[in-house]
Amino acid sequence: MSETPAVVADLSRSPLPTRVTLRRRQNVVLQFVRFVRFDLRIMRMVAKGHR
């Protein structure tokens, strides 16, 4: 049996996040706010579907 080699993406040229972006991603309060907003949006879609 011959195995096909795994395809590996070349990410060497991809842009790195800035310090501000990293701090935003690691901020627990901001993550919680985004989580609540996302949940409310999903709940709104579910509620519209049940009408």
C-alpha atoms as a PDB file:
ATOM      1  CA  MET A   1       0.000   0.000   0.000  1.00  0.00           C
ATOM      2  CA  SER A   2       1.248   3.445  -0.826  1.00  0.00           C
ATOM      3  CA  GLU A   3       0.416   6.364   1.372  1.00  0.00           C
ATOM      4  CA  THR A   4      -0.088   9.817  -0.063  1.00  0.00           C
ATOM      5  CA  PRO A   5       2.072  12.486   1.573  1.00  0.00           C
ATOM      6  CA  ALA A   6       0.305  14.953   3.839  1.00  0.00           C
ATOM      7  CA  VAL A   7      -0.206  18.404   2.338  1.00  0.00           C
ATOM      8  CA  VAL A   8       1.341  21.114   4.475  1.00  0.00           C
ATOM      9  CA  ALA A   9       0.344  24.748   4.048  1.00  0.00           C
ATOM     10  CA  ASP A  10       3.151  27.262   3.701  1.00  0.00           C
ATOM     11  CA  LEU A  11       2.354  29.945   6.264  1.00  0.00           C
ATOM     12  CA  SER A  12       5.732  31.650   6.191  1.00  0.00           C
ATOM     13  CA  ARG A  13       4.350  34.650   4.282  1.00  0.00           C
ATOM     14  CA  SER A  14       1.159  35.050   6.284  1.00  0.00           C
ATOM     15  CA  PRO A  15       0.843  38.314   8.250  1.00  0.00           C
ATOM     16  CA  LEU A  16       1.398  38.137  11.991  1.00  0.00           C
ATOM     17  CA  PRO A  17      -1.155  39.728  14.332  1.00  0.00           C
ATOM     18  CA  THR A  18      -0.209  43.029  15.910  1.00  0.00           C
ATOM     19  CA  ARG A  19       0.213  43.482  19.669  1.00  0.00           C
ATOM     20  CA  VAL A  20      -3.170  45.207  19.842  1.00  0.00           C
ATOM     21  CA  THR A  21      -4.850  42.307  18.046  1.00  0.00           C
ATOM     22  CA  LEU A  22      -3.244  39.762  20.362  1.00  0.00           C
ATOM     23  CA  ARG A  23      -4.285  41.745  23.460  1.00  0.00           C
ATOM     24  CA  ARG A  24      -7.872  41.933  22.156  1.00  0.00           C
ATOM     25  CA  ARG A  25      -7.951  38.188  21.517  1.00  0.00           C
ATOM     26  CA  GLN A  26      -6.665  37.441  25.019  1.00  0.00           C
ATOM     27  CA  ASN A  27      -8.966  39.886  26.844  1.00  0.00           C
ATOM     28  CA  VAL A  28     -11.465  37.767  28.806  1.00  0.00           C
ATOM     29  CA  VAL A  29     -14.013  40.576  29.190  1.00  0.00           C
ATOM     30  CA  LEU A  30     -14.050  41.263  25.465  1.00  0.00           C
ATOM     31  CA  GLN A  31     -14.339  37.536  24.728  1.00  0.00           C
ATOM     32  CA  PHE A  32     -17.341  37.319  27.066  1.00  0.00           C
ATOM     33  CA  VAL A  33     -19.044  40.301  25.395  1.00  0.00           C
ATOM     34  CA  ARG A  34     -18.493  38.788  21.951  1.00  0.00           C
ATOM     35  CA  PHE A  35     -19.797  35.432  23.203  1.00  0.00           C
ATOM     36  CA  VAL A  36     -22.992  37.015  24.557  1.00  0.00           C
ATOM     37  CA  ARG A  37     -23.539  38.988  21.317  1.00  0.00           C
ATOM     38  CA  PHE A  38     -23.096  35.822  19.268  1.00  0.00           C
ATOM     39  CA  ASP A  39     -25.480  33.856  21.505  1.00  0.00           C
ATOM     40  CA  LEU A  40     -28.132  36.578  21.270  1.00  0.00           C
ATOM     41  CA  ARG A  41     -27.822  36.604  17.493  1.00  0.00           C
ATOM     42  CA  ILE A  42     -28.259  32.825  17.340  1.00  0.00           C
ATOM     43  CA  MET A  43     -31.232  32.963  19.731  1.00  0.00           C
ATOM     44  CA  ARG A  44     -32.856  35.629  17.541  1.00  0.00           C
ATOM     45  CA  MET A  45     -32.490  33.368  14.486  1.00  0.00           C
ATOM     46  CA  VAL A  46     -33.950  30.397  16.358  1.00  0.00           C
ATOM     47  CA  ALA A  47     -36.866  32.481  17.639  1.00  0.00           C
ATOM     48  CA  LYS A  48     -37.640  33.710  14.096  1.00  0.00           C
ATOM     49  CA  GLY A  49     -37.628  30.129  12.866  1.00  0.00           C
ATOM     50  CA  HIS A  50     -40.230  29.063  15.429  1.00  0.00           C
ATOM     51  CA  ARG A  51     -42.848  31.638  14.429  1.00  0.00           C
END
